[in-house]
Amino acid sequence: MWVNGERLTTDASSLDDLCRAVGFSDAMSATAVTGAFVAAPARARTPLTEADVIEWVATRPGGWGPW
């Protein structure tokens, strides 16, 4: 599968398993599987396949500032 544009080999069978495997289980983040948004409560029941494309978007502290 692909995760944020990089090829990843994993034994994770669900999106929740994958989140834990890569350290995102406690992060405030949005997830999508092959273009479809997956809400945090649905991650455990979202199965993964080798063909899936996973995207994570996580918040970063710091807020707005002068550029």
PDB file of N, CA and C in Angstrom:
ATOM      1  N   MET A   1       0.838  -1.177   0.000  1.00  0.00           N
ATOM      2  CA  MET A   1       0.000   0.000   0.000  1.00  0.00           C
ATOM      3  C   MET A   1       0.880   1.237   0.000  1.00  0.00           C
ATOM      4  N   TRP A   2       0.264   2.350  -0.260  1.00  0.00           N
ATOM      5  CA  TRP A   2       0.961   3.638  -0.271  1.00  0.00           C
ATOM      6  C   TRP A   2       0.440   4.477   0.890  1.00  0.00           C
ATOM      7  N   VAL A   3       1.355   5.088   1.625  1.00  0.00           N
ATOM      8  CA  VAL A   3       0.989   5.949   2.755  1.00  0.00           C
ATOM      9  C   VAL A   3       1.667   7.298   2.557  1.00  0.00           C
ATOM     10  N   ASN A   4       0.854   8.322   2.381  1.00  0.00           N
ATOM     11  CA  ASN A   4       1.358   9.686   2.147  1.00  0.00           C
ATOM     12  C   ASN A   4       2.433   9.709   1.061  1.00  0.00           C
ATOM     13  N   GLY A   5       2.170   8.992   0.000  1.00  0.00           N
ATOM     14  CA  GLY A   5       3.047   9.016  -1.165  1.00  0.00           C
ATOM     15  C   GLY A   5       4.236   8.082  -1.116  1.00  0.00           C
ATOM     16  N   GLU A   6       4.368   7.311  -0.041  1.00  0.00           N
ATOM     17  CA  GLU A   6       5.484   6.379   0.072  1.00  0.00           C
ATOM     18  C   GLU A   6       4.977   4.951   0.194  1.00  0.00           C
ATOM     19  N   ARG A   7       5.681   4.047  -0.452  1.00  0.00           N
ATOM     20  CA  ARG A   7       5.317   2.625  -0.406  1.00  0.00           C
ATOM     21  C   ARG A   7       5.584   2.097   0.996  1.00  0.00           C
ATOM     22  N   LEU A   8       4.625   1.337   1.557  1.00  0.00           N
ATOM     23  CA  LEU A   8       4.763   0.775   2.896  1.00  0.00           C
ATOM     24  C   LEU A   8       4.310  -0.675   2.879  1.00  0.00           C
ATOM     25  N   THR A   9       5.121  -1.530   3.454  1.00  0.00           N
ATOM     26  CA  THR A   9       4.743  -2.925   3.642  1.00  0.00           C
ATOM     27  C   THR A   9       4.385  -3.101   5.109  1.00  0.00           C
ATOM     28  N   THR A  10       3.207  -3.647   5.365  1.00  0.00           N
ATOM     29  CA  THR A  10       2.729  -3.790   6.741  1.00  0.00           C
ATOM     30  C   THR A  10       1.818  -5.000   6.860  1.00  0.00           C
ATOM     31  N   ASP A  11       1.677  -5.485   8.083  1.00  0.00           N
ATOM     32  CA  ASP A  11       0.739  -6.565   8.383  1.00  0.00           C
ATOM     33  C   ASP A  11      -0.597  -6.029   8.885  1.00  0.00           C
ATOM     34  N   ALA A  12      -0.748  -4.716   8.939  1.00  0.00           N
ATOM     35  CA  ALA A  12      -1.979  -4.103   9.448  1.00  0.00           C
ATOM     36  C   ALA A  12      -3.163  -4.524   8.590  1.00  0.00           C
ATOM     37  N   SER A  13      -4.226  -4.957   9.249  1.00  0.00           N
ATOM     38  CA  SER A  13      -5.414  -5.386   8.513  1.00  0.00           C
ATOM     39  C   SER A  13      -6.524  -4.331   8.504  1.00  0.00           C
ATOM     40  N   SER A  14      -6.398  -3.323   9.388  1.00  0.00           N
ATOM     41  CA  SER A  14      -7.387  -2.240   9.418  1.00  0.00           C
ATOM     42  C   SER A  14      -6.654  -0.906   9.480  1.00  0.00           C
ATOM     43  N   LEU A  15      -7.377   0.156   9.194  1.00  0.00           N
ATOM     44  CA  LEU A  15      -6.787   1.485   9.265  1.00  0.00           C
ATOM     45  C   LEU A  15      -6.352   1.799  10.691  1.00  0.00           C
ATOM     46  N   ASP A  16      -7.102   1.351  11.677  1.00  0.00           N
ATOM     47  CA  ASP A  16      -6.739   1.556  13.076  1.00  0.00           C
ATOM     48  C   ASP A  16      -5.417   0.854  13.395  1.00  0.00           C
ATOM     49  N   ASP A  17      -5.247  -0.386  12.923  1.00  0.00           N
ATOM     50  CA  ASP A  17      -3.987  -1.117  13.115  1.00  0.00           C
ATOM     51  C   ASP A  17      -2.823  -0.346  12.503  1.00  0.00           C
ATOM     52  N   LEU A  18      -3.026   0.193  11.315  1.00  0.00           N
ATOM     53  CA  LEU A  18      -1.979   0.943  10.639  1.00  0.00           C
ATOM     54  C   LEU A  18      -1.641   2.220  11.409  1.00  0.00           C
ATOM     55  N   CYS A  19      -2.654   2.924  11.911  1.00  0.00           N
ATOM     56  CA  CYS A  19      -2.422   4.133  12.697  1.00  0.00           C
ATOM     57  C   CYS A  19      -1.538   3.822  13.905  1.00  0.00           C
ATOM     58  N   ARG A  20      -1.826   2.724  14.582  1.00  0.00           N
ATOM     59  CA  ARG A  20      -1.012   2.341  15.741  1.00  0.00           C
ATOM     60  C   ARG A  20       0.396   1.953  15.330  1.00  0.00           C
ATOM     61  N   ALA A  21       0.535   1.234  14.220  1.00  0.00           N
ATOM     62  CA  ALA A  21       1.845   0.757  13.770  1.00  0.00           C
ATOM     63  C   ALA A  21       2.794   1.902  13.424  1.00  0.00           C
ATOM     64  N   VAL A  22       2.247   2.995  12.914  1.00  0.00           N
ATOM     65  CA  VAL A  22       3.113   4.115  12.518  1.00  0.00           C
ATOM     66  C   VAL A  22       3.098   5.266  13.527  1.00  0.00           C
ATOM     67  N   GLY A  23       2.431   5.076  14.667  1.00  0.00           N
ATOM     68  CA  GLY A  23       2.465   6.073  15.726  1.00  0.00           C
ATOM     69  C   GLY A  23       1.469   7.201  15.610  1.00  0.00           C
ATOM     70  N   PHE A  24       0.389   7.004  14.862  1.00  0.00           N
ATOM     71  CA  PHE A  24      -0.617   8.049  14.707  1.00  0.00           C
ATOM     72  C   PHE A  24      -1.892   7.768  15.500  1.00  0.00           C
ATOM     73  N   SER A  25      -1.891   6.768  16.360  1.00  0.00           N
ATOM     74  CA  SER A  25      -3.137   6.408  17.037  1.00  0.00           C
ATOM     75  C   SER A  25      -3.634   7.489  17.986  1.00  0.00           C
ATOM     76  N   ASP A  26      -2.727   8.257  18.582  1.00  0.00           N
ATOM     77  CA  ASP A  26      -3.132   9.301  19.521  1.00  0.00           C
ATOM     78  C   ASP A  26      -3.142  10.692  18.905  1.00  0.00           C
ATOM     79  N   ALA A  27      -2.714  10.799  17.674  1.00  0.00           N
ATOM     80  CA  ALA A  27      -2.610  12.109  17.020  1.00  0.00           C
ATOM     81  C   ALA A  27      -3.974  12.603  16.551  1.00  0.00           C
ATOM     82  N   MET A  28      -4.151  13.897  16.602  1.00  0.00           N
ATOM     83  CA  MET A  28      -5.337  14.510  16.005  1.00  0.00           C
ATOM     84  C   MET A  28      -5.060  14.569  14.509  1.00  0.00           C
ATOM     85  N   SER A  29      -5.728  13.707  13.774  1.00  0.00           N
ATOM     86  CA  SER A  29      -5.445  13.647  12.343  1.00  0.00           C
ATOM     87  C   SER A  29      -6.694  13.250  11.572  1.00  0.00           C
ATOM     88  N   ALA A  30      -6.667  13.573  10.294  1.00  0.00           N
ATOM     89  CA  ALA A  30      -7.710  13.143   9.365  1.00  0.00           C
ATOM     90  C   ALA A  30      -7.104  12.052   8.491  1.00  0.00           C
ATOM     91  N   THR A  31      -7.919  11.069   8.141  1.00  0.00           N
ATOM     92  CA  THR A  31      -7.429   9.964   7.326  1.00  0.00           C
ATOM     93  C   THR A  31      -8.352   9.735   6.135  1.00  0.00           C
ATOM     94  N   ALA A  32      -7.747   9.246   5.068  1.00  0.00           N
ATOM     95  CA  ALA A  32      -8.505   8.864   3.876  1.00  0.00           C
ATOM     96  C   ALA A  32      -7.902   7.576   3.330  1.00  0.00           C
ATOM     97  N   VAL A  33      -8.768   6.731   2.805  1.00  0.00           N
ATOM     98  CA  VAL A  33      -8.343   5.484   2.165  1.00  0.00           C
ATOM     99  C   VAL A  33      -8.828   5.535   0.728  1.00  0.00           C
ATOM    100  N   THR A  34      -7.884   5.545  -0.179  1.00  0.00           N
ATOM    101  CA  THR A  34      -8.150   5.587  -1.608  1.00  0.00           C
ATOM    102  C   THR A  34      -9.166   6.679  -1.957  1.00  0.00           C
ATOM    103  N   GLY A  35      -8.917   7.866  -1.389  1.00  0.00           N
ATOM    104  CA  GLY A  35      -9.720   9.035  -1.713  1.00  0.00           C
ATOM    105  C   GLY A  35     -10.975   9.237  -0.891  1.00  0.00           C
ATOM    106  N   ALA A  36     -11.321   8.298  -0.021  1.00  0.00           N
ATOM    107  CA  ALA A  36     -12.531   8.418   0.795  1.00  0.00           C
ATOM    108  C   ALA A  36     -12.164   8.729   2.243  1.00  0.00           C
ATOM    109  N   PHE A  37     -12.701   9.841   2.777  1.00  0.00           N
ATOM    110  CA  PHE A  37     -12.466  10.215   4.168  1.00  0.00           C
ATOM    111  C   PHE A  37     -12.931   9.102   5.089  1.00  0.00           C
ATOM    112  N   VAL A  38     -12.129   8.826   6.134  1.00  0.00           N
ATOM    113  CA  VAL A  38     -12.505   7.836   7.151  1.00  0.00           C
ATOM    114  C   VAL A  38     -12.428   8.526   8.506  1.00  0.00           C
ATOM    115  N   ALA A  39     -13.564   8.664   9.171  1.00  0.00           N
ATOM    116  CA  ALA A  39     -13.616   9.282  10.497  1.00  0.00           C
ATOM    117  C   ALA A  39     -12.918   8.381  11.513  1.00  0.00           C
ATOM    118  N   ALA A  40     -12.349   8.990  12.549  1.00  0.00           N
ATOM    119  CA  ALA A  40     -11.609   8.235  13.563  1.00  0.00           C
ATOM    120  C   ALA A  40     -12.395   7.047  14.130  1.00  0.00           C
ATOM    121  N   PRO A  41     -13.680   7.192  14.464  1.00  0.00           N
ATOM    122  CA  PRO A  41     -14.410   6.043  15.012  1.00  0.00           C
ATOM    123  C   PRO A  41     -14.569   4.880  14.017  1.00  0.00           C
ATOM    124  N   ALA A  42     -14.425   5.138  12.739  1.00  0.00           N
ATOM    125  CA  ALA A  42     -14.597   4.087  11.726  1.00  0.00           C
ATOM    126  C   ALA A  42     -13.291   3.392  11.352  1.00  0.00           C
ATOM    127  N   ARG A  43     -12.175   3.847  11.865  1.00  0.00           N
ATOM    128  CA  ARG A  43     -10.880   3.280  11.467  1.00  0.00           C
ATOM    129  C   ARG A  43     -10.748   1.803  11.803  1.00  0.00           C
ATOM    130  N   ALA A  44     -11.265   1.369  12.948  1.00  0.00           N
ATOM    131  CA  ALA A  44     -11.140  -0.030  13.359  1.00  0.00           C
ATOM    132  C   ALA A  44     -11.924  -0.967  12.444  1.00  0.00           C
ATOM    133  N   ARG A  45     -12.969  -0.466  11.828  1.00  0.00           N
ATOM    134  CA  ARG A  45     -13.776  -1.318  10.942  1.00  0.00           C
ATOM    135  C   ARG A  45     -13.524  -1.019   9.463  1.00  0.00           C
ATOM    136  N   THR A  46     -12.389  -0.357   9.180  1.00  0.00           N
ATOM    137  CA  THR A  46     -12.013  -0.056   7.804  1.00  0.00           C
ATOM    138  C   THR A  46     -10.872  -0.982   7.397  1.00  0.00           C
ATOM    139  N   PRO A  47     -11.182  -2.041   6.637  1.00  0.00           N
ATOM    140  CA  PRO A  47     -10.132  -2.980   6.236  1.00  0.00           C
ATOM    141  C   PRO A  47      -9.212  -2.362   5.192  1.00  0.00           C
ATOM    142  N   LEU A  48      -7.989  -2.860   5.143  1.00  0.00           N
ATOM    143  CA  LEU A  48      -7.014  -2.381   4.179  1.00  0.00           C
ATOM    144  C   LEU A  48      -6.605  -3.498   3.228  1.00  0.00           C
ATOM    145  N   THR A  49      -6.252  -3.108   2.012  1.00  0.00           N
ATOM    146  CA  THR A  49      -5.707  -4.052   1.043  1.00  0.00           C
ATOM    147  C   THR A  49      -4.386  -3.499   0.532  1.00  0.00           C
ATOM    148  N   GLU A  50      -3.621  -4.337  -0.117  1.00  0.00           N
ATOM    149  CA  GLU A  50      -2.327  -3.933  -0.667  1.00  0.00           C
ATOM    150  C   GLU A  50      -2.468  -2.810  -1.696  1.00  0.00           C
ATOM    151  N   ALA A  51      -3.618  -2.698  -2.333  1.00  0.00           N
ATOM    152  CA  ALA A  51      -3.827  -1.685  -3.377  1.00  0.00           C
ATOM    153  C   ALA A  51      -4.265  -0.327  -2.833  1.00  0.00           C
ATOM    154  N   ASP A  52      -4.521  -0.226  -1.528  1.00  0.00           N
ATOM    155  CA  ASP A  52      -5.020   1.028  -0.959  1.00  0.00           C
ATOM    156  C   ASP A  52      -3.972   2.133  -0.955  1.00  0.00           C
ATOM    157  N   VAL A  53      -4.469   3.365  -1.035  1.00  0.00           N
ATOM    158  CA  VAL A  53      -3.654   4.565  -0.915  1.00  0.00           C
ATOM    159  C   VAL A  53      -4.161   5.305   0.314  1.00  0.00           C
ATOM    160  N   ILE A  54      -3.302   5.443   1.316  1.00  0.00           N
ATOM    161  CA  ILE A  54      -3.675   6.047   2.588  1.00  0.00           C
ATOM    162  C   ILE A  54      -3.093   7.454   2.656  1.00  0.00           C
ATOM    163  N   GLU A  55      -3.893   8.392   3.129  1.00  0.00           N
ATOM    164  CA  GLU A  55      -3.423   9.762   3.342  1.00  0.00           C
ATOM    165  C   GLU A  55      -3.730  10.170   4.773  1.00  0.00           C
ATOM    166  N   TRP A  56      -2.738  10.774   5.442  1.00  0.00           N
ATOM    167  CA  TRP A  56      -2.910  11.354   6.766  1.00  0.00           C
ATOM    168  C   TRP A  56      -2.669  12.838   6.678  1.00  0.00           C
ATOM    169  N   VAL A  57      -3.501  13.586   7.366  1.00  0.00           N
ATOM    170  CA  VAL A  57      -3.285  15.019   7.518  1.00  0.00           C
ATOM    171  C   VAL A  57      -3.382  15.285   9.012  1.00  0.00           C
ATOM    172  N   ALA A  58      -2.283  15.758   9.592  1.00  0.00           N
ATOM    173  CA  ALA A  58      -2.247  16.011  11.031  1.00  0.00           C
ATOM    174  C   ALA A  58      -2.064  17.497  11.292  1.00  0.00           C
ATOM    175  N   THR A  59      -2.609  17.930  12.416  1.00  0.00           N
ATOM    176  CA  THR A  59      -2.441  19.332  12.807  1.00  0.00           C
ATOM    177  C   THR A  59      -1.031  19.562  13.318  1.00  0.00           C
ATOM    178  N   ARG A  60      -0.581  20.798  13.186  1.00  0.00           N
ATOM    179  CA  ARG A  60       0.726  21.187  13.711  1.00  0.00           C
ATOM    180  C   ARG A  60       0.516  22.352  14.657  1.00  0.00           C
ATOM    181  N   PRO A  61       1.092  22.284  15.847  1.00  0.00           N
ATOM    182  CA  PRO A  61       0.942  23.410  16.776  1.00  0.00           C
ATOM    183  C   PRO A  61       1.685  24.640  16.277  1.00  0.00           C
ATOM    184  N   GLY A  62       1.243  25.789  16.727  1.00  0.00           N
ATOM    185  CA  GLY A  62       1.948  27.015  16.377  1.00  0.00           C
ATOM    186  C   GLY A  62       1.024  28.106  15.869  1.00  0.00           C
ATOM    187  N   GLY A  63      -0.070  27.705  15.287  1.00  0.00           N
ATOM    188  CA  GLY A  63      -1.043  28.700  14.838  1.00  0.00           C
ATOM    189  C   GLY A  63      -0.548  29.572  13.711  1.00  0.00           C
ATOM    190  N   TRP A  64      -1.234  30.668  13.523  1.00  0.00           N
ATOM    191  CA  TRP A  64      -0.918  31.611  12.444  1.00  0.00           C
ATOM    192  C   TRP A  64       0.179  32.554  12.894  1.00  0.00           C
ATOM    193  N   GLY A  65       0.913  33.054  11.974  1.00  0.00           N
ATOM    194  CA  GLY A  65       1.966  34.012  12.314  1.00  0.00           C
ATOM    195  C   GLY A  65       2.343  34.819  11.092  1.00  0.00           C
ATOM    196  N   PRO A  66       3.131  35.818  11.299  1.00  0.00           N
ATOM    197  CA  PRO A  66       3.580  36.603  10.143  1.00  0.00           C
ATOM    198  C   PRO A  66       4.504  35.765   9.262  1.00  0.00           C
ATOM    199  N   TRP A  67       4.321  35.861   7.979  1.00  0.00           N
ATOM    200  CA  TRP A  67       5.150  35.091   7.047  1.00  0.00           C
ATOM    201  C   TRP A  67       6.244  35.969   6.629  1.00  0.00           C
TER     202      TRP A  67
END
